[in-house]
Full PDB file with SEQRES, HELIX, SHEET, SSBOND, CRYST1, ORIGX, SCALE, CONECT and MASTER records, all heavy atoms in Angstrom:
SEQRES   1 A   33  TRP GLN SER ASN ILE LEU LEU LEU ILE LYS ARG ALA ASN          
SEQRES   2 A   33  ARG PHE PHE PRO VAL ILE GLU PRO ILE LEU GLU GLU GLN          
SEQRES   3 A   33  GLY LEU PRO ASP ASP PHE LYS                                  
HELIX    1 AA1 GLN A    2  GLU A   25  1                                  24    
HELIX    2 AA2 ASP A   30  PHE A   32  5                                   3    
CRYST1    1.000    1.000    1.000  90.00  90.00  90.00 P 1           1          
ORIGX1      1.000000  0.000000  0.000000        0.00000                         
ORIGX2      0.000000  1.000000  0.000000        0.00000                         
ORIGX3      0.000000  0.000000  1.000000        0.00000                         
SCALE1      1.000000  0.000000  0.000000        0.00000                         
SCALE2      0.000000  1.000000  0.000000        0.00000                         
SCALE3      0.000000  0.000000  1.000000        0.00000                         
ATOM      1  N   TRP A   1     -95.341 -58.798  32.454  1.00  0.00           N  
ATOM      2  CA  TRP A   1     -96.243 -58.235  33.485  1.00  0.00           C  
ATOM      3  C   TRP A   1     -95.340 -57.864  34.662  1.00  0.00           C  
ATOM      4  O   TRP A   1     -95.360 -58.478  35.702  1.00  0.00           O  
ATOM      5  CB  TRP A   1     -97.296 -59.265  33.876  1.00  0.00           C  
ATOM      6  CG  TRP A   1     -98.392 -58.729  34.736  1.00  0.00           C  
ATOM      7  CD1 TRP A   1     -98.574 -57.438  35.143  1.00  0.00           C  
ATOM      8  CD2 TRP A   1     -99.467 -59.480  35.315  1.00  0.00           C  
ATOM      9  NE1 TRP A   1     -99.688 -57.328  35.937  1.00  0.00           N  
ATOM     10  CE2 TRP A   1    -100.251 -58.562  36.061  1.00  0.00           C  
ATOM     11  CE3 TRP A   1     -99.823 -60.814  35.281  1.00  0.00           C  
ATOM     12  CZ2 TRP A   1    -101.389 -58.979  36.761  1.00  0.00           C  
ATOM     13  CZ3 TRP A   1    -100.955 -61.215  35.981  1.00  0.00           C  
ATOM     14  CH2 TRP A   1    -101.729 -60.305  36.704  1.00  0.00           C  
ATOM     15  N   GLN A   2     -94.559 -56.799  34.438  1.00  0.00           N  
ATOM     16  CA  GLN A   2     -93.447 -56.507  35.334  1.00  0.00           C  
ATOM     17  C   GLN A   2     -93.887 -56.207  36.763  1.00  0.00           C  
ATOM     18  O   GLN A   2     -93.244 -56.662  37.717  1.00  0.00           O  
ATOM     19  CB  GLN A   2     -92.624 -55.328  34.790  1.00  0.00           C  
ATOM     20  CG  GLN A   2     -91.871 -55.633  33.505  1.00  0.00           C  
ATOM     21  CD  GLN A   2     -92.594 -55.132  32.273  1.00  0.00           C  
ATOM     22  OE1 GLN A   2     -93.819 -55.054  32.255  1.00  0.00           O  
ATOM     23  NE2 GLN A   2     -91.849 -54.770  31.238  1.00  0.00           N  
ATOM     24  N   SER A   3     -94.936 -55.439  36.932  1.00  0.00           N  
ATOM     25  CA  SER A   3     -95.349 -55.082  38.288  1.00  0.00           C  
ATOM     26  C   SER A   3     -95.727 -56.328  39.084  1.00  0.00           C  
ATOM     27  O   SER A   3     -95.399 -56.446  40.271  1.00  0.00           O  
ATOM     28  CB  SER A   3     -96.532 -54.108  38.243  1.00  0.00           C  
ATOM     29  OG  SER A   3     -97.645 -54.678  37.563  1.00  0.00           O  
ATOM     30  N   ASN A   4     -96.392 -57.273  38.445  1.00  0.00           N  
ATOM     31  CA  ASN A   4     -96.818 -58.478  39.145  1.00  0.00           C  
ATOM     32  C   ASN A   4     -95.634 -59.356  39.515  1.00  0.00           C  
ATOM     33  O   ASN A   4     -95.538 -59.823  40.663  1.00  0.00           O  
ATOM     34  CB  ASN A   4     -97.790 -59.266  38.265  1.00  0.00           C  
ATOM     35  CG  ASN A   4     -98.408 -60.440  39.004  1.00  0.00           C  
ATOM     36  OD1 ASN A   4     -99.119 -60.265  39.986  1.00  0.00           O  
ATOM     37  ND2 ASN A   4     -98.146 -61.643  38.536  1.00  0.00           N  
ATOM     38  N   ILE A   5     -94.714 -59.585  38.583  1.00  0.00           N  
ATOM     39  CA  ILE A   5     -93.588 -60.476  38.879  1.00  0.00           C  
ATOM     40  C   ILE A   5     -92.678 -59.859  39.941  1.00  0.00           C  
ATOM     41  O   ILE A   5     -92.123 -60.575  40.795  1.00  0.00           O  
ATOM     42  CB  ILE A   5     -92.807 -60.837  37.599  1.00  0.00           C  
ATOM     43  CG1 ILE A   5     -91.962 -62.102  37.829  1.00  0.00           C  
ATOM     44  CG2 ILE A   5     -91.933 -59.697  37.122  1.00  0.00           C  
ATOM     45  CD1 ILE A   5     -92.753 -63.358  38.013  1.00  0.00           C  
ATOM     46  N   LEU A   6     -92.537 -58.530  39.932  1.00  0.00           N  
ATOM     47  CA  LEU A   6     -91.753 -57.872  40.980  1.00  0.00           C  
ATOM     48  C   LEU A   6     -92.388 -58.086  42.346  1.00  0.00           C  
ATOM     49  O   LEU A   6     -91.707 -58.408  43.332  1.00  0.00           O  
ATOM     50  CB  LEU A   6     -91.612 -56.378  40.689  1.00  0.00           C  
ATOM     51  CG  LEU A   6     -90.631 -55.983  39.583  1.00  0.00           C  
ATOM     52  CD1 LEU A   6     -90.783 -54.499  39.258  1.00  0.00           C  
ATOM     53  CD2 LEU A   6     -89.196 -56.294  39.968  1.00  0.00           C  
ATOM     54  N   LEU A   7     -93.699 -57.907  42.430  1.00  0.00           N  
ATOM     55  CA  LEU A   7     -94.398 -58.109  43.701  1.00  0.00           C  
ATOM     56  C   LEU A   7     -94.279 -59.550  44.185  1.00  0.00           C  
ATOM     57  O   LEU A   7     -94.081 -59.811  45.376  1.00  0.00           O  
ATOM     58  CB  LEU A   7     -95.880 -57.737  43.562  1.00  0.00           C  
ATOM     59  CG  LEU A   7     -96.225 -56.253  43.693  1.00  0.00           C  
ATOM     60  CD1 LEU A   7     -97.677 -56.011  43.317  1.00  0.00           C  
ATOM     61  CD2 LEU A   7     -95.965 -55.770  45.123  1.00  0.00           C  
ATOM     62  N   LEU A   8     -94.397 -60.502  43.260  1.00  0.00           N  
ATOM     63  CA  LEU A   8     -94.318 -61.912  43.647  1.00  0.00           C  
ATOM     64  C   LEU A   8     -92.933 -62.252  44.195  1.00  0.00           C  
ATOM     65  O   LEU A   8     -92.812 -62.974  45.198  1.00  0.00           O  
ATOM     66  CB  LEU A   8     -94.650 -62.800  42.455  1.00  0.00           C  
ATOM     67  CG  LEU A   8     -96.095 -62.744  41.954  1.00  0.00           C  
ATOM     68  CD1 LEU A   8     -96.294 -63.693  40.780  1.00  0.00           C  
ATOM     69  CD2 LEU A   8     -97.094 -63.069  43.066  1.00  0.00           C  
ATOM     70  N   ILE A   9     -91.888 -61.747  43.560  1.00  0.00           N  
ATOM     71  CA  ILE A   9     -90.535 -62.017  44.046  1.00  0.00           C  
ATOM     72  C   ILE A   9     -90.319 -61.379  45.415  1.00  0.00           C  
ATOM     73  O   ILE A   9     -89.727 -61.977  46.316  1.00  0.00           O  
ATOM     74  CB  ILE A   9     -89.489 -61.525  43.029  1.00  0.00           C  
ATOM     75  CG1 ILE A   9     -89.577 -62.338  41.731  1.00  0.00           C  
ATOM     76  CG2 ILE A   9     -88.077 -61.627  43.615  1.00  0.00           C  
ATOM     77  CD1 ILE A   9     -88.700 -61.828  40.602  1.00  0.00           C  
ATOM     78  N   LYS A  10     -90.804 -60.150  45.584  1.00  0.00           N  
ATOM     79  CA  LYS A  10     -90.671 -59.471  46.868  1.00  0.00           C  
ATOM     80  C   LYS A  10     -91.384 -60.247  47.976  1.00  0.00           C  
ATOM     81  O   LYS A  10     -90.832 -60.472  49.065  1.00  0.00           O  
ATOM     82  CB  LYS A  10     -91.253 -58.057  46.770  1.00  0.00           C  
ATOM     83  CG  LYS A  10     -90.407 -57.048  46.000  1.00  0.00           C  
ATOM     84  CD  LYS A  10     -91.208 -55.784  45.729  1.00  0.00           C  
ATOM     85  CE  LYS A  10     -90.414 -54.736  44.969  1.00  0.00           C  
ATOM     86  NZ  LYS A  10     -89.658 -53.844  45.869  1.00  0.00           N  
ATOM     87  N   ARG A  11     -92.627 -60.674  47.722  1.00  0.00           N  
ATOM     88  CA  ARG A  11     -93.396 -61.398  48.742  1.00  0.00           C  
ATOM     89  C   ARG A  11     -92.802 -62.776  49.027  1.00  0.00           C  
ATOM     90  O   ARG A  11     -92.774 -63.227  50.176  1.00  0.00           O  
ATOM     91  CB  ARG A  11     -94.848 -61.565  48.294  1.00  0.00           C  
ATOM     92  CG  ARG A  11     -95.646 -60.284  48.241  1.00  0.00           C  
ATOM     93  CD  ARG A  11     -97.041 -60.584  47.736  1.00  0.00           C  
ATOM     94  NE  ARG A  11     -97.786 -59.373  47.436  1.00  0.00           N  
ATOM     95  CZ  ARG A  11     -98.638 -59.258  46.419  1.00  0.00           C  
ATOM     96  NH1 ARG A  11     -98.868 -60.290  45.617  1.00  0.00           N  
ATOM     97  NH2 ARG A  11     -99.282 -58.127  46.214  1.00  0.00           N  
ATOM     98  N   ALA A  12     -92.346 -63.441  47.971  1.00  0.00           N  
ATOM     99  CA  ALA A  12     -91.812 -64.794  48.141  1.00  0.00           C  
ATOM    100  C   ALA A  12     -90.626 -64.802  49.096  1.00  0.00           C  
ATOM    101  O   ALA A  12     -90.406 -65.783  49.819  1.00  0.00           O  
ATOM    102  CB  ALA A  12     -91.416 -65.371  46.790  1.00  0.00           C  
ATOM    103  N   ASN A  13     -89.865 -63.730  49.110  1.00  0.00           N  
ATOM    104  CA  ASN A  13     -88.724 -63.651  50.022  1.00  0.00           C  
ATOM    105  C   ASN A  13     -89.165 -63.754  51.476  1.00  0.00           C  
ATOM    106  O   ASN A  13     -88.407 -64.209  52.335  1.00  0.00           O  
ATOM    107  CB  ASN A  13     -87.982 -62.332  49.805  1.00  0.00           C  
ATOM    108  CG  ASN A  13     -86.655 -62.293  50.528  1.00  0.00           C  
ATOM    109  OD1 ASN A  13     -85.736 -63.021  50.195  1.00  0.00           O  
ATOM    110  ND2 ASN A  13     -86.557 -61.438  51.542  1.00  0.00           N  
ATOM    111  N   ARG A  14     -90.390 -63.360  51.777  1.00  0.00           N  
ATOM    112  CA  ARG A  14     -90.933 -63.453  53.136  1.00  0.00           C  
ATOM    113  C   ARG A  14     -91.536 -64.828  53.415  1.00  0.00           C  
ATOM    114  O   ARG A  14     -91.376 -65.372  54.514  1.00  0.00           O  
ATOM    115  CB  ARG A  14     -91.993 -62.371  53.349  1.00  0.00           C  
ATOM    116  CG  ARG A  14     -92.729 -62.452  54.692  1.00  0.00           C  
ATOM    117  CD  ARG A  14     -93.583 -61.230  54.922  1.00  0.00           C  
ATOM    118  NE  ARG A  14     -92.738 -60.044  55.087  1.00  0.00           N  
ATOM    119  CZ  ARG A  14     -93.177 -58.789  54.998  1.00  0.00           C  
ATOM    120  NH1 ARG A  14     -94.453 -58.559  54.707  1.00  0.00           N  
ATOM    121  NH2 ARG A  14     -92.355 -57.776  55.171  1.00  0.00           N  
ATOM    122  N   PHE A  15     -92.218 -65.399  52.421  1.00  0.00           N  
ATOM    123  CA  PHE A  15     -93.006 -66.602  52.686  1.00  0.00           C  
ATOM    124  C   PHE A  15     -92.331 -67.911  52.290  1.00  0.00           C  
ATOM    125  O   PHE A  15     -92.614 -68.953  52.887  1.00  0.00           O  
ATOM    126  CB  PHE A  15     -94.364 -66.478  51.994  1.00  0.00           C  
ATOM    127  CG  PHE A  15     -95.209 -65.364  52.528  1.00  0.00           C  
ATOM    128  CD1 PHE A  15     -95.492 -64.245  51.762  1.00  0.00           C  
ATOM    129  CD2 PHE A  15     -95.718 -65.419  53.819  1.00  0.00           C  
ATOM    130  CE1 PHE A  15     -96.273 -63.209  52.266  1.00  0.00           C  
ATOM    131  CE2 PHE A  15     -96.494 -64.391  54.331  1.00  0.00           C  
ATOM    132  CZ  PHE A  15     -96.773 -63.286  53.554  1.00  0.00           C  
ATOM    133  N   PHE A  16     -91.444 -67.901  51.307  1.00  0.00           N  
ATOM    134  CA  PHE A  16     -90.762 -69.140  50.923  1.00  0.00           C  
ATOM    135  C   PHE A  16     -89.992 -69.769  52.089  1.00  0.00           C  
ATOM    136  O   PHE A  16     -89.994 -70.997  52.239  1.00  0.00           O  
ATOM    137  CB  PHE A  16     -89.831 -68.900  49.734  1.00  0.00           C  
ATOM    138  CG  PHE A  16     -90.507 -68.993  48.388  1.00  0.00           C  
ATOM    139  CD1 PHE A  16     -89.787 -68.771  47.224  1.00  0.00           C  
ATOM    140  CD2 PHE A  16     -91.865 -69.305  48.273  1.00  0.00           C  
ATOM    141  CE1 PHE A  16     -90.400 -68.867  45.971  1.00  0.00           C  
ATOM    142  CE2 PHE A  16     -92.485 -69.390  47.031  1.00  0.00           C  
ATOM    143  CZ  PHE A  16     -91.739 -69.178  45.881  1.00  0.00           C  
ATOM    144  N   PRO A  17     -89.296 -68.972  52.929  1.00  0.00           N  
ATOM    145  CA  PRO A  17     -88.570 -69.597  54.045  1.00  0.00           C  
ATOM    146  C   PRO A  17     -89.487 -70.331  55.031  1.00  0.00           C  
ATOM    147  O   PRO A  17     -89.008 -71.203  55.764  1.00  0.00           O  
ATOM    148  CB  PRO A  17     -87.885 -68.397  54.723  1.00  0.00           C  
ATOM    149  CG  PRO A  17     -87.725 -67.393  53.633  1.00  0.00           C  
ATOM    150  CD  PRO A  17     -88.969 -67.530  52.804  1.00  0.00           C  
ATOM    151  N   VAL A  18     -90.757 -69.994  55.051  1.00  0.00           N  
ATOM    152  CA  VAL A  18     -91.716 -70.714  55.900  1.00  0.00           C  
ATOM    153  C   VAL A  18     -92.170 -71.996  55.212  1.00  0.00           C  
ATOM    154  O   VAL A  18     -92.254 -73.068  55.827  1.00  0.00           O  
ATOM    155  CB  VAL A  18     -92.941 -69.831  56.214  1.00  0.00           C  
ATOM    156  CG1 VAL A  18     -93.958 -70.593  57.059  1.00  0.00           C  
ATOM    157  CG2 VAL A  18     -92.509 -68.550  56.917  1.00  0.00           C  
ATOM    158  N   ILE A  19     -92.430 -71.913  53.909  1.00  0.00           N  
ATOM    159  CA  ILE A  19     -92.980 -73.044  53.165  1.00  0.00           C  
ATOM    160  C   ILE A  19     -91.939 -74.125  52.899  1.00  0.00           C  
ATOM    161  O   ILE A  19     -92.227 -75.326  53.019  1.00  0.00           O  
ATOM    162  CB  ILE A  19     -93.577 -72.538  51.831  1.00  0.00           C  
ATOM    163  CG1 ILE A  19     -94.849 -71.743  52.093  1.00  0.00           C  
ATOM    164  CG2 ILE A  19     -93.872 -73.691  50.890  1.00  0.00           C  
ATOM    165  CD1 ILE A  19     -95.452 -71.144  50.848  1.00  0.00           C  
ATOM    166  N   GLU A  20     -90.738 -73.736  52.534  1.00  0.00           N  
ATOM    167  CA  GLU A  20     -89.723 -74.697  52.078  1.00  0.00           C  
ATOM    168  C   GLU A  20     -89.430 -75.809  53.089  1.00  0.00           C  
ATOM    169  O   GLU A  20     -89.441 -76.999  52.718  1.00  0.00           O  
ATOM    170  CB  GLU A  20     -88.443 -73.947  51.695  1.00  0.00           C  
ATOM    171  CG  GLU A  20     -88.585 -73.143  50.416  1.00  0.00           C  
ATOM    172  CD  GLU A  20     -87.476 -72.135  50.198  1.00  0.00           C  
ATOM    173  OE1 GLU A  20     -86.713 -71.868  51.161  1.00  0.00           O  
ATOM    174  OE2 GLU A  20     -87.374 -71.597  49.084  1.00  0.00           O  
ATOM    175  N   PRO A  21     -89.172 -75.487  54.372  1.00  0.00           N  
ATOM    176  CA  PRO A  21     -88.891 -76.589  55.312  1.00  0.00           C  
ATOM    177  C   PRO A  21     -90.093 -77.489  55.566  1.00  0.00           C  
ATOM    178  O   PRO A  21     -89.924 -78.686  55.832  1.00  0.00           O  
ATOM    179  CB  PRO A  21     -88.452 -75.865  56.594  1.00  0.00           C  
ATOM    180  CG  PRO A  21     -88.947 -74.468  56.454  1.00  0.00           C  
ATOM    181  CD  PRO A  21     -88.973 -74.171  55.001  1.00  0.00           C  
ATOM    182  N   ILE A  22     -91.300 -76.937  55.455  1.00  0.00           N  
ATOM    183  CA  ILE A  22     -92.495 -77.767  55.649  1.00  0.00           C  
ATOM    184  C   ILE A  22     -92.646 -78.749  54.495  1.00  0.00           C  
ATOM    185  O   ILE A  22     -92.946 -79.939  54.698  1.00  0.00           O  
ATOM    186  CB  ILE A  22     -93.759 -76.891  55.782  1.00  0.00           C  
ATOM    187  CG1 ILE A  22     -93.674 -76.020  57.037  1.00  0.00           C  
ATOM    188  CG2 ILE A  22     -95.021 -77.753  55.834  1.00  0.00           C  
ATOM    189  CD1 ILE A  22     -94.803 -75.029  57.187  1.00  0.00           C  
ATOM    190  N   LEU A  23     -92.431 -78.280  53.267  1.00  0.00           N  
ATOM    191  CA  LEU A  23     -92.491 -79.177  52.111  1.00  0.00           C  
ATOM    192  C   LEU A  23     -91.453 -80.286  52.246  1.00  0.00           C  
ATOM    193  O   LEU A  23     -91.746 -81.466  51.986  1.00  0.00           O  
ATOM    194  CB  LEU A  23     -92.267 -78.392  50.814  1.00  0.00           C  
ATOM    195  CG  LEU A  23     -93.350 -77.380  50.414  1.00  0.00           C  
ATOM    196  CD1 LEU A  23     -92.944 -76.657  49.134  1.00  0.00           C  
ATOM    197  CD2 LEU A  23     -94.709 -78.059  50.228  1.00  0.00           C  
ATOM    198  N   GLU A  24     -90.254 -79.927  52.679  1.00  0.00           N  
ATOM    199  CA  GLU A  24     -89.204 -80.933  52.843  1.00  0.00           C  
ATOM    200  C   GLU A  24     -89.579 -81.942  53.921  1.00  0.00           C  
ATOM    201  O   GLU A  24     -89.423 -83.159  53.741  1.00  0.00           O  
ATOM    202  CB  GLU A  24     -87.877 -80.247  53.195  1.00  0.00           C  
ATOM    203  CG  GLU A  24     -86.711 -81.218  53.323  1.00  0.00           C  
ATOM    204  CD  GLU A  24     -85.402 -80.512  53.625  1.00  0.00           C  
ATOM    205  OE1 GLU A  24     -85.417 -79.286  53.875  1.00  0.00           O  
ATOM    206  OE2 GLU A  24     -84.358 -81.194  53.622  1.00  0.00           O  
ATOM    207  N   GLU A  25     -90.093 -81.437  55.020  1.00  0.00           N  
ATOM    208  CA  GLU A  25     -90.500 -82.315  56.126  1.00  0.00           C  
ATOM    209  C   GLU A  25     -91.620 -83.262  55.706  1.00  0.00           C  
ATOM    210  O   GLU A  25     -91.664 -84.420  56.133  1.00  0.00           O  
ATOM    211  CB  GLU A  25     -90.957 -81.452  57.307  1.00  0.00           C  
ATOM    212  CG  GLU A  25     -91.392 -82.229  58.527  1.00  0.00           C  
ATOM    213  CD  GLU A  25     -91.864 -81.297  59.630  1.00  0.00           C  
ATOM    214  OE1 GLU A  25     -91.012 -80.562  60.175  1.00  0.00           O  
ATOM    215  OE2 GLU A  25     -93.071 -81.286  59.918  1.00  0.00           O  
ATOM    216  N   GLN A  26     -92.507 -82.772  54.838  1.00  0.00           N  
ATOM    217  CA  GLN A  26     -93.642 -83.572  54.373  1.00  0.00           C  
ATOM    218  C   GLN A  26     -93.276 -84.474  53.195  1.00  0.00           C  
ATOM    219  O   GLN A  26     -94.119 -85.240  52.719  1.00  0.00           O  
ATOM    220  CB  GLN A  26     -94.796 -82.644  53.974  1.00  0.00           C  
ATOM    221  CG  GLN A  26     -95.432 -81.905  55.128  1.00  0.00           C  
ATOM    222  CD  GLN A  26     -96.196 -82.829  56.065  1.00  0.00           C  
ATOM    223  OE1 GLN A  26     -96.899 -83.732  55.622  1.00  0.00           O  
ATOM    224  NE2 GLN A  26     -96.063 -82.612  57.366  1.00  0.00           N  
ATOM    225  N   GLY A  27     -92.046 -84.383  52.717  1.00  0.00           N  
ATOM    226  CA  GLY A  27     -91.607 -85.237  51.627  1.00  0.00           C  
ATOM    227  C   GLY A  27     -92.075 -84.794  50.254  1.00  0.00           C  
ATOM    228  O   GLY A  27     -92.195 -85.620  49.342  1.00  0.00           O  
ATOM    229  N   LEU A  28     -92.303 -83.504  50.086  1.00  0.00           N  
ATOM    230  CA  LEU A  28     -92.724 -82.970  48.789  1.00  0.00           C  
ATOM    231  C   LEU A  28     -91.578 -82.257  48.091  1.00  0.00           C  
ATOM    232  O   LEU A  28     -90.739 -81.635  48.752  1.00  0.00           O  
ATOM    233  CB  LEU A  28     -93.893 -81.987  48.952  1.00  0.00           C  
ATOM    234  CG  LEU A  28     -95.281 -82.573  48.639  1.00  0.00           C  
ATOM    235  CD1 LEU A  28     -95.692 -83.521  49.747  1.00  0.00           C  
ATOM    236  CD2 LEU A  28     -96.300 -81.474  48.449  1.00  0.00           C  
ATOM    237  N   PRO A  29     -91.541 -82.307  46.757  1.00  0.00           N  
ATOM    238  CA  PRO A  29     -90.521 -81.541  46.016  1.00  0.00           C  
ATOM    239  C   PRO A  29     -90.668 -80.044  46.276  1.00  0.00           C  
ATOM    240  O   PRO A  29     -91.780 -79.531  46.459  1.00  0.00           O  
ATOM    241  CB  PRO A  29     -90.826 -81.887  44.552  1.00  0.00           C  
ATOM    242  CG  PRO A  29     -91.561 -83.184  44.597  1.00  0.00           C  
ATOM    243  CD  PRO A  29     -92.364 -83.143  45.864  1.00  0.00           C  
ATOM    244  N   ASP A  30     -89.542 -79.376  46.250  1.00  0.00           N  
ATOM    245  CA  ASP A  30     -89.500 -77.938  46.520  1.00  0.00           C  
ATOM    246  C   ASP A  30     -90.298 -77.131  45.493  1.00  0.00           C  
ATOM    247  O   ASP A  30     -90.773 -76.027  45.794  1.00  0.00           O  
ATOM    248  CB  ASP A  30     -88.045 -77.476  46.532  1.00  0.00           C  
ATOM    249  CG  ASP A  30     -87.878 -76.040  46.985  1.00  0.00           C  
ATOM    250  OD1 ASP A  30     -88.142 -75.750  48.161  1.00  0.00           O  
ATOM    251  OD2 ASP A  30     -87.477 -75.202  46.151  1.00  0.00           O  
ATOM    252  N   ASP A  31     -90.475 -77.672  44.288  1.00  0.00           N  
ATOM    253  CA  ASP A  31     -91.196 -76.947  43.234  1.00  0.00           C  
ATOM    254  C   ASP A  31     -92.606 -76.554  43.647  1.00  0.00           C  
ATOM    255  O   ASP A  31     -93.192 -75.627  43.061  1.00  0.00           O  
ATOM    256  CB  ASP A  31     -91.275 -77.788  41.957  1.00  0.00           C  
ATOM    257  CG  ASP A  31     -89.963 -77.815  41.189  1.00  0.00           C  
ATOM    258  OD1 ASP A  31     -89.008 -77.140  41.614  1.00  0.00           O  
ATOM    259  OD2 ASP A  31     -89.898 -78.525  40.162  1.00  0.00           O  
ATOM    260  N   PHE A  32     -93.184 -77.236  44.632  1.00  0.00           N  
ATOM    261  CA  PHE A  32     -94.566 -76.946  44.996  1.00  0.00           C  
ATOM    262  C   PHE A  32     -94.734 -75.585  45.675  1.00  0.00           C  
ATOM    263  O   PHE A  32     -95.854 -75.094  45.807  1.00  0.00           O  
ATOM    264  CB  PHE A  32     -95.146 -78.059  45.865  1.00  0.00           C  
ATOM    265  CG  PHE A  32     -95.638 -79.226  45.060  1.00  0.00           C  
ATOM    266  CD1 PHE A  32     -94.978 -80.433  45.085  1.00  0.00           C  
ATOM    267  CD2 PHE A  32     -96.751 -79.098  44.241  1.00  0.00           C  
ATOM    268  CE1 PHE A  32     -95.417 -81.505  44.319  1.00  0.00           C  
ATOM    269  CE2 PHE A  32     -97.202 -80.152  43.473  1.00  0.00           C  
ATOM    270  CZ  PHE A  32     -96.540 -81.365  43.508  1.00  0.00           C  
ATOM    271  N   LYS A  33     -93.634 -74.954  46.066  1.00  0.00           N  
ATOM    272  CA  LYS A  33     -93.780 -73.601  46.604  1.00  0.00           C  
ATOM    273  C   LYS A  33     -94.291 -72.652  45.519  1.00  0.00           C  
ATOM    274  O   LYS A  33     -94.981 -71.667  45.814  1.00  0.00           O  
ATOM    275  CB  LYS A  33     -92.458 -73.096  47.175  1.00  0.00           C  
ATOM    276  CG  LYS A  33     -91.333 -72.923  46.154  1.00  0.00           C  
ATOM    277  CD  LYS A  33     -90.001 -72.651  46.843  1.00  0.00           C  
ATOM    278  CE  LYS A  33     -88.868 -72.481  45.850  1.00  0.00           C  
ATOM    279  NZ  LYS A  33     -87.553 -72.372  46.516  1.00  0.00           N  
TER     280      LYS A  33                                                      
MASTER        0    0    0    2    0    0    0    6  279    1    0    3          
END                                                                             
């Protein structure tokens, strides 16, 4: 499902940097992003 996975990777580049430090601060594994 190429169009979907491309969009997800593109969007994740914007939102993962926001989520990752919060998960770490809250003591959750990074996989939850």
